[in-house]
C-alpha atoms as a PDB file:
ATOM      1  CA  MET A   1     110.103 121.010  78.969  1.00  0.00           C
ATOM      2  CA  ALA A   2     111.915 120.596  75.677  1.00  0.00           C
ATOM      3  CA  SER A   3     115.013 122.566  75.071  1.00  0.00           C
ATOM      4  CA  PRO A   4     114.764 125.380  72.505  1.00  0.00           C
ATOM      5  CA  VAL A   5     115.902 124.560  68.998  1.00  0.00           C
ATOM      6  CA  PRO A   6     119.196 126.369  68.402  1.00  0.00           C
ATOM      7  CA  VAL A   7     119.087 129.090  65.752  1.00  0.00           C
ATOM      8  CA  SER A   8     121.589 128.727  62.958  1.00  0.00           C
ATOM      9  CA  VAL A   9     124.096 131.490  62.954  1.00  0.00           C
ATOM     10  CA  ASP A  10     124.733 133.147  59.519  1.00  0.00           C
ATOM     11  CA  LYS A  11     128.376 133.235  58.582  1.00  0.00           C
ATOM     12  CA  PRO A  12     128.472 135.191  55.271  1.00  0.00           C
ATOM     13  CA  LEU A  13     132.138 134.193  54.367  1.00  0.00           C
ATOM     14  CA  LEU A  14     131.446 130.581  55.179  1.00  0.00           C
ATOM     15  CA  ALA A  15     128.228 130.627  53.114  1.00  0.00           C
ATOM     16  CA  VAL A  16     130.217 131.986  50.011  1.00  0.00           C
ATOM     17  CA  LEU A  17     132.825 129.209  50.394  1.00  0.00           C
ATOM     18  CA  ARG A  18     129.924 126.761  50.213  1.00  0.00           C
ATOM     19  CA  GLY A  19     128.801 128.282  46.879  1.00  0.00           C
ATOM     20  CA  GLU A  20     126.353 131.149  47.762  1.00  0.00           C
ATOM     21  CA  ARG A  21     126.434 134.631  46.263  1.00  0.00           C
ATOM     22  CA  ARG A  22     126.292 137.327  48.863  1.00  0.00           C
ATOM     23  CA  ASP A  23     125.857 141.123  48.423  1.00  0.00           C
ATOM     24  CA  PRO A  24     127.881 142.760  49.631  1.00  0.00           C
ATOM     25  CA  PRO A  25     130.599 140.176  49.272  1.00  0.00           C
ATOM     26  CA  PRO A  26     132.209 139.125  52.542  1.00  0.00           C
ATOM     27  CA  MET A  27     135.766 140.320  53.019  1.00  0.00           C
ATOM     28  CA  TRP A  28     139.023 139.749  54.856  1.00  0.00           C
ATOM     29  CA  LEU A  29     142.603 140.617  54.144  1.00  0.00           C
ATOM     30  CA  MET A  30     145.584 138.355  53.995  1.00  0.00           C
ATOM     31  CA  ARG A  31     148.038 139.369  56.852  1.00  0.00           C
ATOM     32  CA  GLN A  32     145.265 141.442  58.459  1.00  0.00           C
ATOM     33  CA  ALA A  33     146.720 140.539  61.792  1.00  0.00           C
ATOM     34  CA  GLY A  34     150.133 142.205  61.572  1.00  0.00           C
ATOM     35  CA  ARG A  35     152.547 145.039  61.289  1.00  0.00           C
ATOM     36  CA  TYR A  36     150.274 147.743  59.751  1.00  0.00           C
ATOM     37  CA  LEU A  37     148.437 147.896  63.078  1.00  0.00           C
ATOM     38  CA  PRO A  38     149.864 150.126  65.805  1.00  0.00           C
ATOM     39  CA  GLU A  39     148.455 147.792  68.481  1.00  0.00           C
ATOM     40  CA  TYR A  40     150.402 144.900  66.956  1.00  0.00           C
ATOM     41  CA  ARG A  41     153.597 146.885  66.848  1.00  0.00           C
ATOM     42  CA  GLU A  42     153.176 147.857  70.459  1.00  0.00           C
ATOM     43  CA  LEU A  43     152.528 144.294  71.480  1.00  0.00           C
ATOM     44  CA  ARG A  44     155.528 143.033  69.596  1.00  0.00           C
ATOM     45  CA  ALA A  45     157.757 145.552  71.270  1.00  0.00           C
ATOM     46  CA  LYS A  46     156.658 144.085  74.612  1.00  0.00           C
ATOM     47  CA  LYS A  47     156.600 140.409  73.698  1.00  0.00           C
ATOM     48  CA  GLY A  48     159.782 140.045  71.637  1.00  0.00           C
ATOM     49  CA  GLY A  49     160.381 138.103  68.410  1.00  0.00           C
ATOM     50  CA  PHE A  50     157.881 136.595  65.948  1.00  0.00           C
ATOM     51  CA  LEU A  51     158.107 133.070  67.116  1.00  0.00           C
ATOM     52  CA  ASP A  52     157.820 134.027  70.803  1.00  0.00           C
ATOM     53  CA  MET A  53     154.463 135.516  69.842  1.00  0.00           C
ATOM     54  CA  ALA A  54     153.261 132.748  67.475  1.00  0.00           C
ATOM     55  CA  TYR A  55     153.935 130.027  70.065  1.00  0.00           C
ATOM     56  CA  ASP A  56     152.310 131.959  72.935  1.00  0.00           C
ATOM     57  CA  PRO A  57     148.561 131.093  72.642  1.00  0.00           C
ATOM     58  CA  GLU A  58     147.458 134.143  74.692  1.00  0.00           C
ATOM     59  CA  THR A  59     149.533 136.554  72.491  1.00  0.00           C
ATOM     60  CA  ALA A  60     148.728 134.877  69.163  1.00  0.00           C
ATOM     61  CA  ALA A  61     144.986 134.928  70.021  1.00  0.00           C
ATOM     62  CA  GLU A  62     145.121 138.553  70.852  1.00  0.00           C
ATOM     63  CA  ILE A  63     146.905 139.398  67.520  1.00  0.00           C
ATOM     64  CA  THR A  64     144.366 137.301  65.582  1.00  0.00           C
ATOM     65  CA  LEU A  65     141.488 139.312  67.133  1.00  0.00           C
ATOM     66  CA  GLN A  66     143.085 142.757  66.842  1.00  0.00           C
ATOM     67  CA  PRO A  67     141.911 143.579  63.320  1.00  0.00           C
ATOM     68  CA  LEU A  68     138.340 142.457  64.075  1.00  0.00           C
ATOM     69  CA  ARG A  69     138.121 145.172  66.731  1.00  0.00           C
ATOM     70  CA  ARG A  70     138.899 147.855  64.213  1.00  0.00           C
ATOM     71  CA  PHE A  71     137.211 146.665  61.037  1.00  0.00           C
ATOM     72  CA  PRO A  72     133.978 144.649  60.302  1.00  0.00           C
ATOM     73  CA  PHE A  73     135.813 141.871  58.556  1.00  0.00           C
ATOM     74  CA  ASP A  74     133.852 138.648  57.892  1.00  0.00           C
ATOM     75  CA  GLY A  75     136.807 136.432  58.496  1.00  0.00           C
ATOM     76  CA  ALA A  76     139.532 136.085  61.114  1.00  0.00           C
ATOM     77  CA  ILE A  77     142.853 134.478  59.975  1.00  0.00           C
ATOM     78  CA  LEU A  78     144.962 132.596  62.529  1.00  0.00           C
ATOM     79  CA  PHE A  79     148.119 134.392  63.531  1.00  0.00           C
ATOM     80  CA  SER A  80     150.944 131.938  62.790  1.00  0.00           C
ATOM     81  CA  ASP A  81     153.453 131.087  60.032  1.00  0.00           C
ATOM     82  CA  ILE A  82     153.700 128.468  57.291  1.00  0.00           C
ATOM     83  CA  LEU A  83     157.155 127.381  58.561  1.00  0.00           C
ATOM     84  CA  VAL A  84     155.923 125.968  61.836  1.00  0.00           C
ATOM     85  CA  VAL A  85     155.480 122.709  59.868  1.00  0.00           C
ATOM     86  CA  PRO A  86     159.221 122.223  59.036  1.00  0.00           C
ATOM     87  CA  HIS A  87     159.982 123.358  62.591  1.00  0.00           C
ATOM     88  CA  ALA A  88     157.758 120.460  63.826  1.00  0.00           C
ATOM     89  CA  MET A  89     159.581 118.164  61.427  1.00  0.00           C
ATOM     90  CA  GLY A  90     162.796 118.872  63.400  1.00  0.00           C
ATOM     91  CA  MET A  91     164.381 121.803  61.543  1.00  0.00           C
ATOM     92  CA  ASP A  92     165.753 124.798  63.512  1.00  0.00           C
ATOM     93  CA  LEU A  93     163.670 127.895  62.779  1.00  0.00           C
ATOM     94  CA  THR A  94     164.765 131.499  63.394  1.00  0.00           C
ATOM     95  CA  PHE A  95     163.604 134.863  62.129  1.00  0.00           C
ATOM     96  CA  VAL A  96     166.346 137.352  61.271  1.00  0.00           C
ATOM     97  CA  VAL A  97     165.297 140.962  61.583  1.00  0.00           C
ATOM     98  CA  GLY A  98     165.263 142.508  58.089  1.00  0.00           C
ATOM     99  CA  GLU A  99     166.137 139.230  56.401  1.00  0.00           C
ATOM    100  CA  GLY A 100     163.289 136.863  57.077  1.00  0.00           C
ATOM    101  CA  PRO A 101     163.113 133.265  58.184  1.00  0.00           C
ATOM    102  CA  ARG A 102     166.040 130.722  58.339  1.00  0.00           C
ATOM    103  CA  LEU A 103     165.742 126.933  58.463  1.00  0.00           C
ATOM    104  CA  ALA A 104     168.634 124.670  59.344  1.00  0.00           C
ATOM    105  CA  PRO A 105     170.041 122.409  58.199  1.00  0.00           C
ATOM    106  CA  PRO A 106     169.112 123.215  54.526  1.00  0.00           C
ATOM    107  CA  LEU A 107     167.954 120.082  52.868  1.00  0.00           C
ATOM    108  CA  CYS A 108     170.001 120.831  49.732  1.00  0.00           C
ATOM    109  CA  ASP A 109     172.920 119.505  51.822  1.00  0.00           C
ATOM    110  CA  ALA A 110     171.258 117.499  54.710  1.00  0.00           C
ATOM    111  CA  ARG A 111     169.190 114.343  54.697  1.00  0.00           C
ATOM    112  CA  LEU A 112     165.516 114.250  55.634  1.00  0.00           C
ATOM    113  CA  ASP A 113     166.081 111.153  57.687  1.00  0.00           C
ATOM    114  CA  ASP A 114     168.488 112.963  59.997  1.00  0.00           C
ATOM    115  CA  LEU A 115     165.706 115.338  61.290  1.00  0.00           C
ATOM    116  CA  GLU A 116     164.116 114.471  64.560  1.00  0.00           C
ATOM    117  CA  PRO A 117     160.401 115.365  64.497  1.00  0.00           C
ATOM    118  CA  ALA A 118     158.978 117.348  67.385  1.00  0.00           C
ATOM    119  CA  LEU A 119     155.235 117.482  66.475  1.00  0.00           C
ATOM    120  CA  GLU A 120     154.441 118.782  69.972  1.00  0.00           C
ATOM    121  CA  ARG A 121     155.659 122.154  68.737  1.00  0.00           C
ATOM    122  CA  LEU A 122     152.265 122.501  67.019  1.00  0.00           C
ATOM    123  CA  ASP A 123     150.296 122.119  70.228  1.00  0.00           C
ATOM    124  CA  PRO A 124     150.365 125.883  71.078  1.00  0.00           C
ATOM    125  CA  ILE A 125     148.850 126.616  67.664  1.00  0.00           C
ATOM    126  CA  TYR A 126     145.857 124.437  68.464  1.00  0.00           C
ATOM    127  CA  GLU A 127     145.503 126.169  71.821  1.00  0.00           C
ATOM    128  CA  THR A 128     145.523 129.532  70.055  1.00  0.00           C
ATOM    129  CA  VAL A 129     142.662 128.327  67.878  1.00  0.00           C
ATOM    130  CA  ARG A 130     140.623 127.301  70.915  1.00  0.00           C
ATOM    131  CA  ARG A 131     141.194 130.706  72.587  1.00  0.00           C
ATOM    132  CA  VAL A 132     140.177 132.674  69.510  1.00  0.00           C
ATOM    133  CA  LYS A 133     137.117 130.522  68.917  1.00  0.00           C
ATOM    134  CA  ALA A 134     135.862 131.216  72.453  1.00  0.00           C
ATOM    135  CA  GLU A 135     136.027 134.963  71.824  1.00  0.00           C
ATOM    136  CA  LEU A 136     135.163 135.345  68.220  1.00  0.00           C
ATOM    137  CA  SER A 137     131.797 136.728  67.065  1.00  0.00           C
ATOM    138  CA  PRO A 138     129.515 133.865  65.963  1.00  0.00           C
ATOM    139  CA  GLN A 139     129.064 135.563  62.595  1.00  0.00           C
ATOM    140  CA  THR A 140     132.749 135.694  61.809  1.00  0.00           C
ATOM    141  CA  THR A 141     134.345 132.771  59.826  1.00  0.00           C
ATOM    142  CA  PHE A 142     137.532 131.559  61.439  1.00  0.00           C
ATOM    143  CA  LEU A 143     140.214 130.631  58.906  1.00  0.00           C
ATOM    144  CA  GLY A 144     143.107 128.323  59.607  1.00  0.00           C
ATOM    145  CA  PHE A 145     145.927 127.868  57.122  1.00  0.00           C
ATOM    146  CA  ALA A 146     149.168 126.085  56.146  1.00  0.00           C
ATOM    147  CA  GLY A 147     151.745 126.426  53.381  1.00  0.00           C
ATOM    148  CA  SER A 148     151.352 124.127  50.392  1.00  0.00           C
ATOM    149  CA  PRO A 149     154.089 121.395  50.164  1.00  0.00           C
ATOM    150  CA  TRP A 150     155.948 123.060  47.217  1.00  0.00           C
ATOM    151  CA  THR A 151     156.227 126.468  48.946  1.00  0.00           C
ATOM    152  CA  VAL A 152     157.273 124.898  52.330  1.00  0.00           C
ATOM    153  CA  ALA A 153     159.716 122.720  50.535  1.00  0.00           C
ATOM    154  CA  THR A 154     161.473 125.681  48.847  1.00  0.00           C
ATOM    155  CA  TYR A 155     162.354 127.138  52.316  1.00  0.00           C
ATOM    156  CA  MET A 156     163.378 123.713  53.635  1.00  0.00           C
ATOM    157  CA  ILE A 157     165.692 122.989  50.703  1.00  0.00           C
ATOM    158  CA  ALA A 158     167.407 126.414  50.510  1.00  0.00           C
ATOM    159  CA  GLY A 159     167.174 127.215  54.247  1.00  0.00           C
ATOM    160  CA  GLN A 160     165.530 130.617  53.477  1.00  0.00           C
ATOM    161  CA  GLY A 161     163.271 132.382  51.057  1.00  0.00           C
ATOM    162  CA  SER A 162     164.380 132.928  47.413  1.00  0.00           C
ATOM    163  CA  ARG A 163     162.539 134.613  44.602  1.00  0.00           C
ATOM    164  CA  GLU A 164     163.911 132.227  42.018  1.00  0.00           C
ATOM    165  CA  GLN A 165     163.566 129.109  44.135  1.00  0.00           C
ATOM    166  CA  ALA A 166     166.581 127.866  42.181  1.00  0.00           C
ATOM    167  CA  GLU A 167     167.700 125.277  44.758  1.00  0.00           C
ATOM    168  CA  ALA A 168     164.331 123.605  44.979  1.00  0.00           C
ATOM    169  CA  ARG A 169     163.605 123.671  41.250  1.00  0.00           C
ATOM    170  CA  GLN A 170     167.062 122.219  40.532  1.00  0.00           C
ATOM    171  CA  LEU A 171     166.640 119.525  43.144  1.00  0.00           C
ATOM    172  CA  ALA A 172     163.302 118.573  41.499  1.00  0.00           C
ATOM    173  CA  TYR A 173     165.146 118.029  38.184  1.00  0.00           C
ATOM    174  CA  LEU A 174     168.274 116.389  39.510  1.00  0.00           C
ATOM    175  CA  ASP A 175     166.980 114.222  42.308  1.00  0.00           C
ATOM    176  CA  PRO A 176     163.219 113.750  41.873  1.00  0.00           C
ATOM    177  CA  ALA A 177     163.204 110.930  44.406  1.00  0.00           C
ATOM    178  CA  LYS A 178     164.502 113.228  47.136  1.00  0.00           C
ATOM    179  CA  MET A 179     162.066 115.907  46.179  1.00  0.00           C
ATOM    180  CA  ASP A 180     159.218 113.329  46.257  1.00  0.00           C
ATOM    181  CA  SER A 181     160.282 112.319  49.800  1.00  0.00           C
ATOM    182  CA  ILE A 182     160.296 115.812  51.063  1.00  0.00           C
ATOM    183  CA  LEU A 183     156.926 116.624  49.532  1.00  0.00           C
ATOM    184  CA  ASP A 184     155.481 113.367  50.834  1.00  0.00           C
ATOM    185  CA  ILE A 185     156.270 114.023  54.469  1.00  0.00           C
ATOM    186  CA  VAL A 186     155.343 117.705  54.234  1.00  0.00           C
ATOM    187  CA  SER A 187     151.952 116.733  52.770  1.00  0.00           C
ATOM    188  CA  ARG A 188     151.245 114.195  55.484  1.00  0.00           C
ATOM    189  CA  ILE A 189     152.106 116.550  58.284  1.00  0.00           C
ATOM    190  CA  THR A 190     150.175 119.349  56.679  1.00  0.00           C
ATOM    191  CA  VAL A 191     147.045 117.250  56.609  1.00  0.00           C
ATOM    192  CA  ASP A 192     147.490 116.397  60.300  1.00  0.00           C
ATOM    193  CA  TYR A 193     148.226 120.004  61.091  1.00  0.00           C
ATOM    194  CA  LEU A 194     145.145 121.391  59.314  1.00  0.00           C
ATOM    195  CA  SER A 195     143.017 118.677  60.745  1.00  0.00           C
ATOM    196  CA  GLY A 196     144.246 119.691  64.149  1.00  0.00           C
ATOM    197  CA  GLN A 197     143.217 123.209  63.490  1.00  0.00           C
ATOM    198  CA  ILE A 198     139.758 122.176  62.287  1.00  0.00           C
ATOM    199  CA  GLU A 199     139.261 119.995  65.379  1.00  0.00           C
ATOM    200  CA  ALA A 200     140.251 122.945  67.603  1.00  0.00           C
ATOM    201  CA  GLY A 201     137.691 125.217  65.962  1.00  0.00           C
ATOM    202  CA  VAL A 202     138.492 126.811  62.567  1.00  0.00           C
ATOM    203  CA  ASP A 203     135.620 126.878  60.041  1.00  0.00           C
ATOM    204  CA  ALA A 204     137.666 126.731  56.880  1.00  0.00           C
ATOM    205  CA  VAL A 205     141.308 126.459  55.850  1.00  0.00           C
ATOM    206  CA  GLN A 206     143.553 128.069  53.234  1.00  0.00           C
ATOM    207  CA  LEU A 207     146.618 126.536  51.489  1.00  0.00           C
ATOM    208  CA  PHE A 208     149.226 129.181  50.648  1.00  0.00           C
ATOM    209  CA  ASP A 209     151.366 128.300  47.648  1.00  0.00           C
ATOM    210  CA  SER A 210     153.241 131.530  47.563  1.00  0.00           C
ATOM    211  CA  TRP A 211     155.968 130.362  45.134  1.00  0.00           C
ATOM    212  CA  SER A 212     153.923 128.356  42.649  1.00  0.00           C
ATOM    213  CA  GLY A 213     154.500 130.970  39.966  1.00  0.00           C
ATOM    214  CA  SER A 214     158.183 130.053  39.447  1.00  0.00           C
ATOM    215  CA  LEU A 215     157.312 126.529  37.955  1.00  0.00           C
ATOM    216  CA  SER A 216     157.033 125.366  34.482  1.00  0.00           C
ATOM    217  CA  PRO A 217     153.703 123.847  33.443  1.00  0.00           C
ATOM    218  CA  ALA A 218     154.944 120.238  33.962  1.00  0.00           C
ATOM    219  CA  GLN A 219     156.433 121.041  37.357  1.00  0.00           C
ATOM    220  CA  PHE A 220     153.338 122.946  38.356  1.00  0.00           C
ATOM    221  CA  GLU A 221     151.234 119.917  37.571  1.00  0.00           C
ATOM    222  CA  ASN A 222     153.490 117.535  39.580  1.00  0.00           C
ATOM    223  CA  LEU A 223     154.676 119.713  42.504  1.00  0.00           C
ATOM    224  CA  VAL A 224     151.631 121.863  43.082  1.00  0.00           C
ATOM    225  CA  ILE A 225     148.407 120.386  41.563  1.00  0.00           C
ATOM    226  CA  ARG A 226     149.104 116.711  42.396  1.00  0.00           C
ATOM    227  CA  ARG A 227     150.147 117.464  45.973  1.00  0.00           C
ATOM    228  CA  THR A 228     147.294 119.943  46.674  1.00  0.00           C
ATOM    229  CA  ALA A 229     144.754 117.386  45.276  1.00  0.00           C
ATOM    230  CA  TRP A 230     146.037 114.785  47.699  1.00  0.00           C
ATOM    231  CA  ILE A 231     145.752 117.126  50.734  1.00  0.00           C
ATOM    232  CA  VAL A 232     142.275 118.171  49.680  1.00  0.00           C
ATOM    233  CA  SER A 233     141.265 114.582  49.291  1.00  0.00           C
ATOM    234  CA  GLU A 234     142.555 113.600  52.694  1.00  0.00           C
ATOM    235  CA  LEU A 235     141.136 116.550  54.475  1.00  0.00           C
ATOM    236  CA  ARG A 236     137.738 116.038  52.848  1.00  0.00           C
ATOM    237  CA  ARG A 237     137.797 112.462  53.988  1.00  0.00           C
ATOM    238  CA  ARG A 238     138.328 113.607  57.605  1.00  0.00           C
ATOM    239  CA  HIS A 239     136.373 116.780  57.548  1.00  0.00           C
ATOM    240  CA  PRO A 240     133.899 116.717  54.651  1.00  0.00           C
ATOM    241  CA  GLU A 241     132.050 119.901  55.744  1.00  0.00           C
ATOM    242  CA  THR A 242     135.175 122.103  56.013  1.00  0.00           C
ATOM    243  CA  PRO A 243     135.828 124.293  52.932  1.00  0.00           C
ATOM    244  CA  ILE A 244     139.328 124.544  51.570  1.00  0.00           C
ATOM    245  CA  ILE A 245     140.663 127.655  49.786  1.00  0.00           C
ATOM    246  CA  GLY A 246     143.669 127.239  47.456  1.00  0.00           C
ATOM    247  CA  PHE A 247     145.886 130.255  46.791  1.00  0.00           C
ATOM    248  CA  PRO A 248     148.476 129.448  44.094  1.00  0.00           C
ATOM    249  CA  LYS A 249     150.216 132.870  43.814  1.00  0.00           C
ATOM    250  CA  GLY A 250     151.713 133.490  40.393  1.00  0.00           C
ATOM    251  CA  ALA A 251     149.788 130.599  38.729  1.00  0.00           C
ATOM    252  CA  GLY A 252     148.416 132.835  35.997  1.00  0.00           C
ATOM    253  CA  GLY A 253     147.069 130.825  33.084  1.00  0.00           C
ATOM    254  CA  LYS A 254     147.565 127.629  35.058  1.00  0.00           C
ATOM    255  CA  LEU A 255     144.657 128.669  37.413  1.00  0.00           C
ATOM    256  CA  ARG A 256     142.042 126.886  35.365  1.00  0.00           C
ATOM    257  CA  ALA A 257     143.899 123.552  35.651  1.00  0.00           C
ATOM    258  CA  TYR A 258     144.459 124.163  39.424  1.00  0.00           C
ATOM    259  CA  ALA A 259     140.767 124.824  39.904  1.00  0.00           C
ATOM    260  CA  ASP A 260     139.677 121.802  37.837  1.00  0.00           C
ATOM    261  CA  GLU A 261     142.177 119.262  39.223  1.00  0.00           C
ATOM    262  CA  THR A 262     142.796 120.067  42.916  1.00  0.00           C
ATOM    263  CA  GLY A 263     139.196 119.913  44.101  1.00  0.00           C
ATOM    264  CA  VAL A 264     139.525 123.075  46.308  1.00  0.00           C
ATOM    265  CA  ASP A 265     136.266 124.728  47.244  1.00  0.00           C
ATOM    266  CA  ALA A 266     137.529 128.263  46.334  1.00  0.00           C
ATOM    267  CA  VAL A 267     140.472 129.758  44.531  1.00  0.00           C
ATOM    268  CA  GLY A 268     142.357 132.799  45.685  1.00  0.00           C
ATOM    269  CA  ILE A 269     143.890 134.909  42.849  1.00  0.00           C
ATOM    270  CA  ASP A 270     146.768 137.334  43.128  1.00  0.00           C
ATOM    271  CA  GLU A 271     146.895 140.924  41.944  1.00  0.00           C
ATOM    272  CA  THR A 272     148.505 140.005  38.582  1.00  0.00           C
ATOM    273  CA  VAL A 273     145.396 138.168  37.394  1.00  0.00           C
ATOM    274  CA  ASP A 274     142.753 140.150  35.341  1.00  0.00           C
ATOM    275  CA  PRO A 275     139.564 139.688  37.439  1.00  0.00           C
ATOM    276  CA  ALA A 276     137.492 139.807  34.152  1.00  0.00           C
ATOM    277  CA  TRP A 277     139.606 136.934  32.839  1.00  0.00           C
ATOM    278  CA  ALA A 278     139.288 134.884  36.050  1.00  0.00           C
ATOM    279  CA  ALA A 279     135.473 135.457  36.065  1.00  0.00           C
ATOM    280  CA  ARG A 280     135.354 134.185  32.464  1.00  0.00           C
ATOM    281  CA  GLU A 281     137.768 131.295  32.608  1.00  0.00           C
ATOM    282  CA  LEU A 282     137.376 129.734  36.067  1.00  0.00           C
ATOM    283  CA  PRO A 283     134.595 127.032  36.524  1.00  0.00           C
ATOM    284  CA  ALA A 284     131.081 128.552  36.699  1.00  0.00           C
ATOM    285  CA  GLY A 285     129.998 128.813  40.315  1.00  0.00           C
ATOM    286  CA  LEU A 286     133.358 128.323  41.853  1.00  0.00           C
ATOM    287  CA  PRO A 287     133.876 130.829  44.692  1.00  0.00           C
ATOM    288  CA  VAL A 288     136.807 133.272  43.898  1.00  0.00           C
ATOM    289  CA  GLN A 289     138.777 135.161  46.488  1.00  0.00           C
ATOM    290  CA  GLY A 290     140.710 138.363  45.688  1.00  0.00           C
ATOM    291  CA  ASN A 291     142.418 140.256  44.229  1.00  0.00           C
ATOM    292  CA  LEU A 292     143.139 143.934  45.096  1.00  0.00           C
ATOM    293  CA  ASP A 293     146.821 144.976  44.651  1.00  0.00           C
ATOM    294  CA  PRO A 294     148.157 145.713  48.108  1.00  0.00           C
ATOM    295  CA  LEU A 295     149.866 148.726  46.615  1.00  0.00           C
ATOM    296  CA  ALA A 296     146.537 150.124  45.465  1.00  0.00           C
ATOM    297  CA  LEU A 297     145.462 149.896  49.081  1.00  0.00           C
ATOM    298  CA  ILE A 298     148.498 151.893  50.073  1.00  0.00           C
ATOM    299  CA  ALA A 299     147.727 154.486  47.441  1.00  0.00           C
ATOM    300  CA  GLY A 300     144.143 155.053  48.597  1.00  0.00           C
ATOM    301  CA  GLY A 301     142.007 157.719  47.037  1.00  0.00           C
ATOM    302  CA  GLU A 302     140.548 157.295  43.601  1.00  0.00           C
ATOM    303  CA  ALA A 303     143.181 154.636  42.646  1.00  0.00           C
ATOM    304  CA  LEU A 304     141.749 152.449  45.406  1.00  0.00           C
ATOM    305  CA  ASN A 305     138.230 153.196  44.503  1.00  0.00           C
ATOM    306  CA  SER A 306     138.557 152.316  40.835  1.00  0.00           C
ATOM    307  CA  ALA A 307     140.570 149.211  41.408  1.00  0.00           C
ATOM    308  CA  THR A 308     137.975 147.990  43.995  1.00  0.00           C
ATOM    309  CA  ARG A 309     135.054 148.672  41.706  1.00  0.00           C
ATOM    310  CA  ARG A 310     136.717 146.830  38.855  1.00  0.00           C
ATOM    311  CA  ILE A 311     137.080 143.670  40.993  1.00  0.00           C
ATOM    312  CA  LEU A 312     133.579 143.945  42.414  1.00  0.00           C
ATOM    313  CA  ASP A 313     132.065 144.366  38.945  1.00  0.00           C
ATOM    314  CA  ALA A 314     134.034 141.457  37.509  1.00  0.00           C
ATOM    315  CA  PHE A 315     132.819 139.066  40.143  1.00  0.00           C
ATOM    316  CA  ALA A 316     129.251 140.376  40.374  1.00  0.00           C
ATOM    317  CA  ASP A 317     127.747 137.153  39.099  1.00  0.00           C
ATOM    318  CA  ARG A 318     129.572 134.538  41.026  1.00  0.00           C
ATOM    319  CA  PRO A 319     130.376 133.779  44.665  1.00  0.00           C
ATOM    320  CA  HIS A 320     133.105 136.152  45.674  1.00  0.00           C
ATOM    321  CA  ILE A 321     135.190 136.957  48.751  1.00  0.00           C
ATOM    322  CA  PHE A 322     136.897 140.307  48.593  1.00  0.00           C
ATOM    323  CA  ASN A 323     140.528 140.204  49.548  1.00  0.00           C
ATOM    324  CA  LEU A 324     143.960 141.387  48.469  1.00  0.00           C
ATOM    325  CA  GLY A 325     146.043 139.634  45.876  1.00  0.00           C
ATOM    326  CA  HIS A 326     148.597 139.089  48.541  1.00  0.00           C
ATOM    327  CA  GLY A 327     149.374 140.179  52.118  1.00  0.00           C
ATOM    328  CA  ILE A 328     148.707 143.686  53.376  1.00  0.00           C
ATOM    329  CA  GLN A 329     151.894 145.684  53.721  1.00  0.00           C
ATOM    330  CA  GLN A 330     153.145 147.310  56.885  1.00  0.00           C
ATOM    331  CA  THR A 331     153.048 150.826  55.480  1.00  0.00           C
ATOM    332  CA  THR A 332     149.311 150.606  54.716  1.00  0.00           C
ATOM    333  CA  PRO A 333     147.482 153.525  56.255  1.00  0.00           C
ATOM    334  CA  ILE A 334     144.611 152.601  58.588  1.00  0.00           C
ATOM    335  CA  ALA A 335     142.449 155.192  56.861  1.00  0.00           C
ATOM    336  CA  ASN A 336     142.885 153.416  53.521  1.00  0.00           C
ATOM    337  CA  VAL A 337     141.589 150.192  55.013  1.00  0.00           C
ATOM    338  CA  GLU A 338     138.613 152.060  56.335  1.00  0.00           C
ATOM    339  CA  GLN A 339     138.064 153.467  52.859  1.00  0.00           C
ATOM    340  CA  LEU A 340     138.211 150.017  51.283  1.00  0.00           C
ATOM    341  CA  VAL A 341     135.754 148.465  53.863  1.00  0.00           C
ATOM    342  CA  ALA A 342     133.346 151.319  53.311  1.00  0.00           C
ATOM    343  CA  LEU A 343     133.369 150.855  49.567  1.00  0.00           C
ATOM    344  CA  VAL A 344     132.954 147.037  49.664  1.00  0.00           C
ATOM    345  CA  LYS A 345     130.199 147.099  52.256  1.00  0.00           C
ATOM    346  CA  ARG A 346     128.256 149.771  50.470  1.00  0.00           C
ATOM    347  CA  GLN A 347     127.767 147.404  47.494  1.00  0.00           C
ATOM    348  CA  GLY A 348     124.812 145.821  49.137  1.00  0.00           C
ATOM    349  CA  ASP A 349     123.031 149.119  49.913  1.00  0.00           C
END
């Protein structure tokens, strides 16, 4: 007797990433697995520091799944951090409470060749992916991610986050060969890392370029677009069916060039971008993700309603994934997330 033909499972978010328009638009929220959830805070109090959780597959899988138990999101985002890549390259990584991550030794003083890579540090991340995949609803799109080379390099060079990224920008001017070397190795390991996530079970991946907004147009072309295009090309060669979302936060008017030249399958836009402008200026048919202000989500009420409607109206004629313009903040009321979900999901009624 012949085996039954498997029925294809509909994943709305994945369908949009492949160019379909869905009503209502699928949604997920950046940093949806995190500190705004009381169950996350309770688990962190038991488990300890951020890295202890990120490198423990059982804990990281549980955190990845937590928001899906509360909200009907169409996507799950892997619980991890962009700085696991420089950690795997041999840098020491710590998270200082109230101050953020620290990488040592900072590459503004140290040599890249002095680092001793420890790529096995990424193995627990792949195990987390496998565990989540085994428990995730078949209709939910599983998103992996990594930091884009420029953003990761800013932390590696300065040893910590910086809103001006002065150390990295200055290095790019004064020693472009050293900057190229850093970006080259970060790009190669990022491709391997994302490929490992895909092989372990994610459906799509996102490249976070959180600090792309600090660059001049010429630097943006060289440090963001060129490197992202290479990663996209390499990933597409290995995994031609896996969509790639690019999120160049702060790119503003450079978004069109980013969309045209990187080859990403979808572009995430931050809250500073006028959605009507993005709908008009970005390539026709290109899926767009975004772009509610996280502070509007905290405000709730009519401020949230009007901001949400404006975004939904702007992208009514193109493939759209509803999301925030950046990560959800820890003071966000659960009730406001419920309000947002209800408003977005009602669009298809």
